[in-house]
Amino acid sequence: MQEKNRLTSPEIANLWTHYIRETLSVCVNKYMLHTIQDSEIHSLFQTALQYSLNHIDTLKALFKKEKFPIPNGFTKEDLNLEAPSLFTDVLCLKSLYMMSTHGHNEMSLAFTTSIRKDIVEFYYQCNLDAMEIYKKAKDLLISKQLYLKPPIYITPNKVGMIKKYSYVTDVFGKQRPMNAIESGHTYFNLNKAMIAKAMIFGFTQVSKNPNVRALLEKSVQTTTNHITSLSSLLTKENIHLPKSVETEVTNSTVSPFSDRLMLLQTGFFYGVAVTYYNAALISSMRADIAIINEKAALTSLWMFNRIGKEMIDNQWLEQPPQADDRKRLGH
């Protein structure tokens, strides 16, 4: 029975990664709660923080039950609650909206790759929590007129079939209009990139480590390039763009977070960006749009790896659980 109930490798990976990510969220949410003035946004962040703390308690209990070392994650040492506001309430809310999107996707993957009943039930609840935060964040953005709707297309009046391969290959001269799938992915990724850029821009402003700051500045430029490419696609189609949020970063130069936390958060932005750009890539049927998404995915992956190297060089990156070394055990 004990052998039967051992954690599988996906379950171990999900629990370990979840703990790191959740402790980071606790630090970020605690700081934002310390600075947010809007009562509705403050209340939502309190809910988000409580969910994270609940998840951490469950994770710790699971680690203890399995005699599994609890990861270090992020602690009060990575947080400076004395720092003044770095982000306005608007950017705090938009960041929570974006992170709840990512969180739900991560929880869904953990749910579908888990087998053991207690782990499945845990991630079932985590998904419900993430969906609730996402829904409430979106509702708040809409109620405060901060949510700009994606492109709206006229409802088609008939079903059509693609008749020529030029639907895919025509990239010069007069191109066909973007279809709803292509414009939807482009708008979604552009909006996420704008929020991520503002967050990284704030990190750049307060980082005191020269190497970290240089890497964050490179991250801002990389994300700017993505924004420029995606914006050009929508502008050519006379489709409105999401609103930039860089002005929602204050002029504070006091860091609320450790360089380690800011670098890992930035790396996380690029890690999930790879997933979303690749989703747009395989869904795009116009070759030039596919190429732009492929380039964005590759440069995001490069930045993700570069950030990982910097974290390893500083001994800031915890080692994930390893598989048994069967060759060594055999000697």
Protein backbone atom coordinates (compact mmCIF):
# COMPACT_ATOMS: atom_id res chain seq x y z
CA MET A 1 0.00 0.00 0.00
CA GLN A 2 2.86 2.38 0.84
CA GLU A 3 4.47 1.68 -2.56
CA LYS A 4 1.13 2.15 -4.29
CA ASN A 5 0.61 5.60 -2.75
CA ARG A 6 4.06 7.01 -3.48
CA LEU A 7 4.07 10.34 -5.29
CA THR A 8 4.68 10.20 -9.03
CA SER A 9 7.32 12.38 -10.66
CA PRO A 10 4.74 14.87 -12.06
CA GLU A 11 3.15 15.17 -8.62
CA ILE A 12 6.53 15.83 -6.98
CA ALA A 13 7.41 18.38 -9.66
CA ASN A 14 4.05 20.14 -9.36
CA LEU A 15 4.16 20.34 -5.55
CA TRP A 16 7.76 21.57 -5.48
CA THR A 17 7.22 24.20 -8.20
CA HIS A 18 3.92 25.26 -6.67
CA TYR A 19 5.56 25.89 -3.29
CA ILE A 20 8.24 28.13 -4.82
CA ARG A 21 5.67 30.04 -6.85
CA GLU A 22 3.20 30.37 -3.98
CA THR A 23 5.78 31.71 -1.51
CA LEU A 24 6.78 34.29 -4.13
CA SER A 25 3.12 35.30 -4.50
CA VAL A 26 2.81 35.73 -0.73
CA CYS A 27 5.73 38.20 -0.70
CA VAL A 28 4.34 40.18 -3.63
CA ASN A 29 0.77 40.25 -2.31
CA LYS A 30 1.85 41.25 1.21
CA TYR A 31 3.76 44.20 -0.21
CA MET A 32 0.93 45.26 -2.48
CA LEU A 33 -1.53 45.05 0.42
CA HIS A 34 0.81 47.39 2.29
CA THR A 35 0.58 50.03 -0.47
CA ILE A 36 -2.87 49.67 -2.10
CA GLN A 37 -5.30 52.49 -1.29
CA ASP A 38 -8.41 51.35 -3.16
CA SER A 39 -10.63 49.38 -0.77
CA GLU A 40 -12.04 46.99 -3.41
CA ILE A 41 -8.62 46.12 -4.81
CA HIS A 42 -7.26 45.77 -1.27
CA SER A 43 -10.03 43.33 -0.38
CA LEU A 44 -9.32 41.19 -3.46
CA PHE A 45 -5.62 41.03 -2.60
CA GLN A 46 -6.51 39.93 0.93
CA THR A 47 -8.49 37.04 -0.56
CA ALA A 48 -5.63 36.15 -2.92
CA LEU A 49 -3.13 36.22 -0.05
CA GLN A 50 -5.32 33.97 2.10
CA TYR A 51 -5.67 31.45 -0.71
CA SER A 52 -1.88 31.38 -1.12
CA LEU A 53 -1.37 30.88 2.62
CA ASN A 54 -3.94 28.05 2.60
CA HIS A 55 -2.17 26.39 -0.31
CA ILE A 56 1.19 26.68 1.46
CA ASP A 57 -0.24 25.05 4.61
CA THR A 58 -1.52 22.13 2.52
CA LEU A 59 1.78 21.83 0.67
CA LYS A 60 3.76 21.78 3.91
CA ALA A 61 1.47 19.07 5.31
CA LEU A 62 1.98 16.99 2.17
CA PHE A 63 5.76 17.44 2.33
CA LYS A 64 5.76 16.43 6.00
CA LYS A 65 3.58 13.39 5.31
CA GLU A 66 5.93 12.25 2.54
CA LYS A 67 9.09 13.07 4.58
CA PHE A 68 9.95 15.41 1.73
CA PRO A 69 12.26 18.38 2.48
CA ILE A 70 10.31 21.62 2.40
CA PRO A 71 11.83 23.95 -0.22
CA ASN A 72 13.24 27.28 0.98
CA GLY A 73 11.06 29.25 -1.43
CA PHE A 74 10.74 32.93 -0.57
CA THR A 75 10.52 34.35 2.95
CA LYS A 76 10.34 37.66 4.80
CA GLU A 77 14.03 38.06 3.94
CA ASP A 78 12.95 38.68 0.33
CA LEU A 79 10.43 41.35 1.32
CA ASN A 80 10.77 44.97 2.45
CA LEU A 81 7.44 46.28 3.71
CA GLU A 82 9.03 49.64 4.49
CA ALA A 83 9.45 50.38 0.78
CA PRO A 84 7.09 53.03 -0.63
CA SER A 85 4.70 52.29 -3.49
CA LEU A 86 6.47 51.07 -6.61
CA PHE A 87 3.26 50.27 -8.50
CA THR A 88 -0.05 52.13 -8.55
CA ASP A 89 -3.26 50.39 -7.53
CA VAL A 90 -4.12 50.00 -11.23
CA LEU A 91 -0.92 48.10 -12.01
CA CYS A 92 -1.32 45.98 -8.87
CA LEU A 93 -4.80 44.93 -10.04
CA LYS A 94 -3.65 44.27 -13.60
CA SER A 95 -0.73 42.20 -12.35
CA LEU A 96 -3.08 40.10 -10.20
CA TYR A 97 -5.33 39.62 -13.23
CA MET A 98 -2.36 38.45 -15.31
CA MET A 99 -0.89 36.21 -12.59
CA SER A 100 -4.26 34.57 -11.89
CA THR A 101 -4.42 33.69 -15.60
CA HIS A 102 -1.02 32.02 -15.34
CA GLY A 103 -1.89 30.41 -12.02
CA HIS A 104 -5.04 28.82 -13.37
CA ASN A 105 -3.13 27.32 -16.29
CA GLU A 106 -0.47 25.92 -13.95
CA MET A 107 -3.10 24.51 -11.57
CA SER A 108 -4.98 22.92 -14.47
CA LEU A 109 -1.83 21.17 -15.62
CA ALA A 110 -1.09 19.98 -12.08
CA PHE A 111 -4.66 18.70 -11.77
CA THR A 112 -4.54 16.73 -15.02
CA THR A 113 -1.12 15.17 -14.31
CA SER A 114 -1.92 14.09 -10.74
CA ILE A 115 -3.17 10.61 -9.84
CA ARG A 116 -3.28 10.32 -6.06
CA LYS A 117 -6.69 11.22 -4.66
CA ASP A 118 -5.51 13.80 -2.10
CA ILE A 119 -3.34 15.58 -4.69
CA VAL A 120 -6.15 15.62 -7.26
CA GLU A 121 -8.57 17.07 -4.70
CA PHE A 122 -6.01 19.70 -3.68
CA TYR A 123 -5.52 20.91 -7.24
CA TYR A 124 -9.25 20.78 -7.89
CA GLN A 125 -9.65 23.34 -5.10
CA CYS A 126 -6.64 25.34 -6.27
CA ASN A 127 -8.28 25.67 -9.69
CA LEU A 128 -11.48 26.95 -8.12
CA ASP A 129 -9.46 29.50 -6.10
CA ALA A 130 -7.53 30.69 -9.16
CA MET A 131 -10.72 31.02 -11.22
CA GLU A 132 -12.37 33.04 -8.46
CA ILE A 133 -9.44 35.49 -8.25
CA TYR A 134 -9.33 35.78 -12.05
CA LYS A 135 -13.08 36.44 -12.30
CA LYS A 136 -13.07 39.01 -9.50
CA ALA A 137 -9.99 40.75 -10.91
CA LYS A 138 -11.59 40.98 -14.35
CA ASP A 139 -14.90 42.18 -12.88
CA LEU A 140 -13.04 44.91 -10.96
CA LEU A 141 -11.14 46.00 -14.05
CA ILE A 142 -14.42 46.22 -15.98
CA SER A 143 -16.25 48.09 -13.21
CA LYS A 144 -13.39 50.60 -12.94
CA GLN A 145 -13.31 51.00 -16.75
CA LEU A 146 -9.76 49.64 -16.87
CA TYR A 147 -10.54 46.64 -19.08
CA LEU A 148 -10.34 47.33 -22.79
CA LYS A 149 -12.23 44.67 -24.74
CA PRO A 150 -10.34 42.59 -27.31
CA PRO A 151 -11.19 43.10 -31.01
CA ILE A 152 -14.86 42.56 -31.87
CA TYR A 153 -15.61 40.89 -35.20
CA ILE A 154 -18.89 40.86 -37.14
CA THR A 155 -20.60 37.51 -36.62
CA PRO A 156 -20.24 35.45 -39.82
CA ASN A 157 -23.44 34.79 -41.76
CA LYS A 158 -22.26 31.60 -43.45
CA VAL A 159 -19.71 28.80 -43.23
CA GLY A 160 -16.75 29.03 -45.59
CA MET A 161 -13.84 26.81 -46.60
CA ILE A 162 -10.24 27.84 -47.32
CA LYS A 163 -9.87 27.52 -51.07
CA LYS A 164 -6.20 28.33 -51.72
CA TYR A 165 -2.94 27.75 -49.88
CA SER A 166 -2.16 31.42 -50.41
CA TYR A 167 -4.37 31.89 -47.31
CA VAL A 168 -1.22 30.79 -45.48
CA THR A 169 1.66 31.78 -47.74
CA ASP A 170 0.80 35.29 -48.99
CA VAL A 171 3.11 37.50 -46.93
CA PHE A 172 3.99 40.18 -49.50
CA GLY A 173 1.80 42.79 -51.12
CA LYS A 174 -1.86 42.82 -50.12
CA GLN A 175 -2.38 40.26 -47.36
CA ARG A 176 -5.65 38.79 -46.24
CA PRO A 177 -7.04 40.26 -43.00
CA MET A 178 -6.17 38.56 -39.74
CA ASN A 179 -8.75 35.99 -38.74
CA ALA A 180 -10.38 36.02 -35.30
CA ILE A 181 -7.99 33.37 -33.91
CA GLU A 182 -4.90 35.32 -34.99
CA SER A 183 -6.09 38.70 -33.73
CA GLY A 184 -7.30 37.16 -30.46
CA HIS A 185 -3.93 35.60 -29.68
CA THR A 186 -2.10 38.75 -30.75
CA TYR A 187 -4.21 41.03 -28.55
CA PHE A 188 -3.98 38.67 -25.56
CA ASN A 189 -0.18 38.36 -25.79
CA LEU A 190 0.25 42.08 -26.36
CA ASN A 191 -1.78 42.92 -23.26
CA LYS A 192 0.24 40.46 -21.16
CA ALA A 193 3.52 41.79 -22.54
CA MET A 194 2.56 45.37 -21.63
CA ILE A 195 1.77 44.42 -18.03
CA ALA A 196 4.95 42.33 -17.73
CA LYS A 197 7.06 45.15 -19.16
CA ALA A 198 5.72 47.61 -16.59
CA MET A 199 6.48 45.20 -13.75
CA ILE A 200 10.02 44.52 -15.02
CA PHE A 201 10.55 48.25 -15.57
CA GLY A 202 9.74 48.80 -11.90
CA PHE A 203 12.17 46.05 -10.89
CA THR A 204 14.89 47.70 -13.01
CA GLN A 205 14.30 50.98 -11.22
CA VAL A 206 14.94 49.57 -7.74
CA SER A 207 17.54 46.82 -8.29
CA LYS A 208 20.93 47.64 -6.77
CA ASN A 209 22.86 44.62 -8.12
CA PRO A 210 24.64 45.81 -11.34
CA ASN A 211 24.42 42.41 -13.08
CA VAL A 212 20.76 41.93 -12.16
CA ARG A 213 19.92 45.46 -13.21
CA ALA A 214 21.63 45.01 -16.58
CA LEU A 215 19.72 41.79 -17.15
CA LEU A 216 16.43 43.42 -16.18
CA GLU A 217 17.16 46.29 -18.60
CA LYS A 218 17.78 43.71 -21.32
CA SER A 219 14.45 42.12 -20.36
CA VAL A 220 12.65 45.45 -20.77
CA GLN A 221 14.16 45.87 -24.24
CA THR A 222 13.26 42.32 -25.26
CA THR A 223 9.66 42.78 -24.15
CA THR A 224 9.54 46.16 -25.90
CA ASN A 225 10.54 44.43 -29.14
CA HIS A 226 7.70 41.94 -28.67
CA ILE A 227 5.24 44.77 -28.05
CA THR A 228 6.40 46.61 -31.17
CA SER A 229 5.99 43.52 -33.38
CA LEU A 230 2.57 42.58 -32.04
CA SER A 231 1.33 46.18 -32.11
CA SER A 232 2.31 46.53 -35.77
CA LEU A 233 0.15 43.52 -36.66
CA LEU A 234 -2.94 45.02 -35.05
CA THR A 235 -2.26 48.59 -36.27
CA LYS A 236 -2.09 47.41 -39.89
CA GLU A 237 -5.54 45.89 -39.40
CA ASN A 238 -6.92 49.10 -37.81
CA ILE A 239 -7.51 47.14 -34.62
CA HIS A 240 -7.21 49.02 -31.34
CA LEU A 241 -4.33 48.24 -28.97
CA PRO A 242 -4.40 47.51 -25.23
CA LYS A 243 -3.44 50.47 -23.07
CA SER A 244 0.19 50.70 -21.97
CA VAL A 245 0.68 50.67 -18.19
CA GLU A 246 4.29 51.86 -17.85
CA THR A 247 3.05 55.15 -16.37
CA GLU A 248 1.61 53.11 -13.47
CA VAL A 249 5.16 52.64 -12.11
CA THR A 250 6.03 55.28 -9.50
CA ASN A 251 9.38 57.06 -9.15
CA SER A 252 10.42 55.05 -6.08
CA THR A 253 14.00 53.74 -6.02
CA VAL A 254 13.59 51.69 -2.83
CA SER A 255 13.26 47.99 -3.57
CA PRO A 256 10.36 46.13 -1.94
CA PHE A 257 11.84 42.78 -2.99
CA SER A 258 15.15 40.96 -3.09
CA ASP A 259 17.01 40.84 -6.40
CA ARG A 260 16.51 37.08 -6.29
CA LEU A 261 12.73 37.43 -6.15
CA MET A 262 12.60 40.06 -8.90
CA LEU A 263 14.83 37.99 -11.18
CA LEU A 264 12.82 34.80 -10.66
CA GLN A 265 9.56 36.67 -11.24
CA THR A 266 10.96 38.06 -14.49
CA GLY A 267 12.09 34.58 -15.50
CA PHE A 268 8.58 33.31 -14.79
CA PHE A 269 7.15 35.98 -17.11
CA TYR A 270 9.33 34.67 -19.93
CA GLY A 271 8.69 31.03 -19.11
CA VAL A 272 4.94 31.42 -19.51
CA ALA A 273 5.41 33.75 -22.49
CA VAL A 274 7.09 30.88 -24.37
CA THR A 275 3.93 28.81 -23.86
CA TYR A 276 1.55 31.55 -25.02
CA TYR A 277 3.64 32.59 -28.04
CA ASN A 278 3.88 28.97 -29.14
CA ALA A 279 0.11 28.59 -28.76
CA ALA A 280 -0.29 31.63 -31.03
CA LEU A 281 2.31 30.21 -33.43
CA ILE A 282 0.50 26.93 -34.02
CA SER A 283 -2.87 28.69 -34.29
CA SER A 284 -1.74 31.30 -36.83
CA MET A 285 -2.44 30.47 -40.48
CA ARG A 286 -0.71 33.53 -41.95
CA ALA A 287 3.00 32.86 -42.29
CA ASP A 288 4.20 36.34 -41.24
CA ILE A 289 2.17 36.19 -38.03
CA ALA A 290 3.55 32.73 -37.26
CA ILE A 291 7.11 34.00 -37.81
CA ILE A 292 6.61 36.92 -35.40
CA ASN A 293 5.31 34.56 -32.70
CA GLU A 294 8.12 32.08 -33.32
CA LYS A 295 10.72 34.83 -32.91
CA ALA A 296 9.03 36.09 -29.74
CA ALA A 297 8.99 32.55 -28.31
CA LEU A 298 12.68 32.03 -29.12
CA THR A 299 13.81 35.34 -27.62
CA SER A 300 11.66 34.67 -24.54
CA LEU A 301 13.33 31.28 -24.18
CA TRP A 302 16.76 32.90 -24.54
CA MET A 303 15.93 35.42 -21.79
CA PHE A 304 14.54 32.63 -19.58
CA ASN A 305 17.80 30.70 -19.93
CA ARG A 306 19.93 33.81 -19.40
CA ILE A 307 18.05 34.62 -16.19
CA GLY A 308 18.45 31.02 -15.05
CA LYS A 309 22.23 31.23 -15.57
CA GLU A 310 22.44 34.46 -13.56
CA MET A 311 20.47 32.88 -10.71
CA ILE A 312 22.72 29.81 -10.71
CA ASP A 313 25.84 32.03 -10.75
CA ASN A 314 24.49 33.79 -7.63
CA GLN A 315 23.39 30.48 -6.04
CA TRP A 316 19.82 31.76 -5.95
CA LEU A 317 18.17 28.82 -7.72
CA GLU A 318 17.00 25.84 -5.69
CA GLN A 319 17.67 22.44 -7.21
CA PRO A 320 14.49 20.58 -8.20
CA PRO A 321 13.96 17.03 -6.89
CA GLN A 322 16.15 14.56 -8.77
CA ALA A 323 15.42 11.13 -10.18
CA ASP A 324 17.23 8.20 -8.55
CA ASP A 325 20.71 7.68 -10.00
CA ARG A 326 20.33 4.00 -10.89
CA LYS A 327 23.89 3.69 -12.16
CA ARG A 328 25.33 5.01 -8.90
CA LEU A 329 22.98 2.84 -6.82
CA GLY A 330 24.23 -0.22 -8.69
CA HIS A 331 27.80 0.26 -7.50
